[in-house]
């Protein structure tokens, strides 16, 4: 049970950091791939952040499944 609590905390922190990176402005935003509104859009750098977020959550799920089999 404690393992799932730790996993939820890690997933929450990873999600918040990804959200902050996607909604903020940083040096490597890259070009806008498509516009969401007149002032906001999805940048090339956002795709990298989302892929990192997905890889982190999939890795965490893999660790939970691997430790459950023992």
N, C-alpha and C. Protein backbone atom coordinates (compact mmCIF):
# COMPACT_ATOMS: atom_id res chain seq x y z
N UNK A 1 0.82 -1.20 0.00
CA UNK A 1 0.00 0.00 0.00
C UNK A 1 0.86 1.26 0.00
N UNK A 2 1.94 1.22 0.75
CA UNK A 2 2.85 2.37 0.81
C UNK A 2 3.50 2.61 -0.55
N UNK A 3 3.77 1.53 -1.27
CA UNK A 3 4.37 1.64 -2.60
C UNK A 3 3.46 2.45 -3.53
N UNK A 4 2.13 2.21 -3.46
CA UNK A 4 1.19 2.93 -4.31
C UNK A 4 1.10 4.41 -3.92
N UNK A 5 1.23 4.70 -2.65
CA UNK A 5 1.24 6.10 -2.19
C UNK A 5 2.45 6.83 -2.76
N UNK A 6 3.62 6.20 -2.65
CA UNK A 6 4.83 6.80 -3.21
C UNK A 6 4.71 6.99 -4.72
N UNK A 7 4.13 6.01 -5.39
CA UNK A 7 3.95 6.11 -6.84
C UNK A 7 3.01 7.26 -7.19
N UNK A 8 1.95 7.45 -6.41
CA UNK A 8 1.02 8.54 -6.66
C UNK A 8 1.68 9.90 -6.44
N UNK A 9 2.53 10.00 -5.44
CA UNK A 9 3.25 11.26 -5.18
C UNK A 9 4.20 11.56 -6.35
N UNK A 10 4.94 10.58 -6.81
CA UNK A 10 5.87 10.78 -7.93
C UNK A 10 5.10 11.18 -9.19
N UNK A 11 3.99 10.49 -9.46
CA UNK A 11 3.18 10.82 -10.64
C UNK A 11 2.62 12.23 -10.55
N UNK A 12 2.19 12.63 -9.36
CA UNK A 12 1.66 13.98 -9.18
C UNK A 12 2.71 15.04 -9.40
N UNK A 13 3.89 14.84 -8.84
CA UNK A 13 4.97 15.81 -9.00
C UNK A 13 5.40 15.89 -10.47
N UNK A 14 5.53 14.76 -11.12
CA UNK A 14 5.91 14.72 -12.53
C UNK A 14 4.87 15.45 -13.39
N UNK A 15 3.61 15.26 -13.08
CA UNK A 15 2.53 15.91 -13.82
C UNK A 15 2.54 17.42 -13.62
N UNK A 16 2.76 17.86 -12.40
CA UNK A 16 2.80 19.30 -12.12
C UNK A 16 3.97 19.95 -12.84
N UNK A 17 5.14 19.34 -12.79
CA UNK A 17 6.30 19.90 -13.49
C UNK A 17 6.07 19.95 -15.00
N UNK A 18 5.49 18.91 -15.57
CA UNK A 18 5.20 18.91 -17.01
C UNK A 18 4.19 20.01 -17.34
N UNK A 19 3.17 20.17 -16.50
CA UNK A 19 2.18 21.22 -16.72
C UNK A 19 2.84 22.60 -16.69
N UNK A 20 3.72 22.83 -15.72
CA UNK A 20 4.41 24.12 -15.63
C UNK A 20 5.28 24.38 -16.84
N UNK A 21 5.95 23.35 -17.34
CA UNK A 21 6.80 23.53 -18.52
C UNK A 21 5.97 23.81 -19.77
N UNK A 22 4.85 23.15 -19.91
CA UNK A 22 4.02 23.34 -21.10
C UNK A 22 3.33 24.70 -21.08
N UNK A 23 2.89 25.16 -19.92
CA UNK A 23 2.15 26.42 -19.86
C UNK A 23 3.06 27.64 -19.74
N UNK A 24 4.31 27.44 -19.36
CA UNK A 24 5.23 28.56 -19.19
C UNK A 24 5.99 28.89 -20.46
N UNK A 25 6.85 29.86 -20.34
CA UNK A 25 7.71 30.24 -21.46
C UNK A 25 9.15 29.92 -21.07
N UNK A 26 9.88 29.30 -21.96
CA UNK A 26 11.27 28.98 -21.70
C UNK A 26 12.05 29.13 -22.99
N UNK A 27 13.36 29.08 -22.90
CA UNK A 27 14.22 29.40 -24.04
C UNK A 27 14.04 28.45 -25.22
N UNK A 28 13.79 27.19 -24.97
CA UNK A 28 13.71 26.21 -26.05
C UNK A 28 12.27 25.89 -26.43
N UNK A 29 11.40 26.88 -26.41
CA UNK A 29 10.01 26.65 -26.82
C UNK A 29 9.93 26.06 -28.22
N UNK A 30 10.73 26.61 -29.10
CA UNK A 30 10.69 26.18 -30.49
C UNK A 30 9.54 26.83 -31.23
N UNK A 31 9.41 26.49 -32.49
CA UNK A 31 8.33 27.09 -33.28
C UNK A 31 6.96 26.55 -32.88
N UNK A 32 5.93 27.32 -33.15
CA UNK A 32 4.56 26.90 -32.86
C UNK A 32 4.14 25.88 -33.91
N UNK A 33 3.72 24.70 -33.46
CA UNK A 33 3.27 23.65 -34.38
C UNK A 33 1.83 23.91 -34.81
N UNK A 34 0.98 24.26 -33.85
CA UNK A 34 -0.38 24.70 -34.17
C UNK A 34 -0.91 25.58 -33.05
N UNK A 35 -1.77 26.49 -33.43
CA UNK A 35 -2.33 27.45 -32.48
C UNK A 35 -3.59 26.89 -31.83
N UNK A 36 -3.70 27.11 -30.50
CA UNK A 36 -4.90 26.73 -29.76
C UNK A 36 -5.83 27.93 -29.70
N UNK A 37 -5.28 29.09 -29.35
CA UNK A 37 -6.01 30.36 -29.37
C UNK A 37 -5.12 31.37 -30.08
N UNK A 38 -5.56 32.61 -30.13
CA UNK A 38 -4.75 33.65 -30.80
C UNK A 38 -3.42 33.88 -30.09
N UNK A 39 -3.39 33.66 -28.77
CA UNK A 39 -2.17 33.94 -28.00
C UNK A 39 -1.46 32.69 -27.52
N UNK A 40 -2.06 31.52 -27.68
CA UNK A 40 -1.47 30.28 -27.17
C UNK A 40 -1.42 29.23 -28.28
N UNK A 41 -0.41 28.38 -28.17
CA UNK A 41 -0.27 27.31 -29.14
C UNK A 41 0.59 26.20 -28.58
N UNK A 42 0.72 25.14 -29.35
CA UNK A 42 1.57 24.01 -28.98
C UNK A 42 2.90 24.19 -29.69
N UNK A 43 3.97 24.29 -28.90
CA UNK A 43 5.31 24.48 -29.44
C UNK A 43 6.01 23.14 -29.62
N UNK A 44 7.07 23.17 -30.39
CA UNK A 44 7.87 21.97 -30.61
C UNK A 44 8.43 21.45 -29.28
N UNK A 45 8.82 22.32 -28.39
CA UNK A 45 9.34 21.94 -27.08
C UNK A 45 8.30 21.27 -26.20
N UNK A 46 7.03 21.60 -26.41
CA UNK A 46 5.95 20.99 -25.63
C UNK A 46 5.83 19.50 -25.93
N UNK A 47 6.07 19.13 -27.17
CA UNK A 47 6.02 17.72 -27.55
C UNK A 47 7.09 16.93 -26.78
N UNK A 48 8.27 17.50 -26.64
CA UNK A 48 9.35 16.88 -25.88
C UNK A 48 8.96 16.70 -24.41
N UNK A 49 8.32 17.71 -23.83
CA UNK A 49 7.88 17.64 -22.43
C UNK A 49 6.84 16.54 -22.25
N UNK A 50 5.86 16.48 -23.14
CA UNK A 50 4.80 15.47 -23.04
C UNK A 50 5.38 14.07 -23.22
N UNK A 51 6.33 13.90 -24.13
CA UNK A 51 6.97 12.59 -24.30
C UNK A 51 7.75 12.18 -23.05
N UNK A 52 8.43 13.13 -22.42
CA UNK A 52 9.15 12.84 -21.18
C UNK A 52 8.21 12.49 -20.04
N UNK A 53 7.08 13.20 -19.97
CA UNK A 53 6.07 12.91 -18.96
C UNK A 53 5.51 11.50 -19.15
N UNK A 54 5.19 11.15 -20.38
CA UNK A 54 4.65 9.82 -20.66
C UNK A 54 5.68 8.73 -20.36
N UNK A 55 6.93 8.96 -20.72
CA UNK A 55 7.98 7.98 -20.44
C UNK A 55 8.17 7.80 -18.94
N UNK A 56 8.09 8.88 -18.18
CA UNK A 56 8.22 8.79 -16.73
C UNK A 56 7.10 8.00 -16.09
N UNK A 57 5.86 8.27 -16.52
CA UNK A 57 4.73 7.54 -15.96
C UNK A 57 4.73 6.07 -16.37
N UNK A 58 5.11 5.78 -17.61
CA UNK A 58 5.21 4.39 -18.04
C UNK A 58 6.31 3.64 -17.29
N UNK A 59 7.41 4.31 -17.03
CA UNK A 59 8.49 3.70 -16.25
C UNK A 59 8.05 3.41 -14.83
N UNK A 60 7.33 4.34 -14.26
CA UNK A 60 6.82 4.15 -12.90
C UNK A 60 5.83 2.98 -12.86
N UNK A 61 4.97 2.90 -13.84
CA UNK A 61 4.02 1.77 -13.91
C UNK A 61 4.77 0.45 -14.07
N UNK A 62 5.83 0.45 -14.86
CA UNK A 62 6.64 -0.75 -15.02
C UNK A 62 7.30 -1.18 -13.73
N UNK A 63 7.77 -0.23 -12.95
CA UNK A 63 8.36 -0.55 -11.65
C UNK A 63 7.31 -1.12 -10.70
N UNK A 64 6.12 -0.57 -10.71
CA UNK A 64 5.06 -1.08 -9.84
C UNK A 64 4.68 -2.51 -10.21
N UNK A 65 4.58 -2.77 -11.51
CA UNK A 65 4.22 -4.12 -11.96
C UNK A 65 5.34 -5.11 -11.66
N UNK A 66 6.59 -4.70 -11.86
CA UNK A 66 7.73 -5.58 -11.62
C UNK A 66 7.87 -5.94 -10.15
N UNK A 67 7.63 -4.99 -9.26
CA UNK A 67 7.75 -5.27 -7.83
C UNK A 67 6.55 -6.05 -7.32
N UNK A 68 5.43 -5.99 -8.03
CA UNK A 68 4.24 -6.71 -7.61
C UNK A 68 4.38 -8.22 -7.89
N UNK A 69 5.13 -8.60 -8.91
CA UNK A 69 5.28 -10.00 -9.30
C UNK A 69 6.09 -10.81 -8.31
N UNK A 70 6.91 -10.17 -7.52
CA UNK A 70 7.80 -10.89 -6.60
C UNK A 70 7.07 -11.57 -5.51
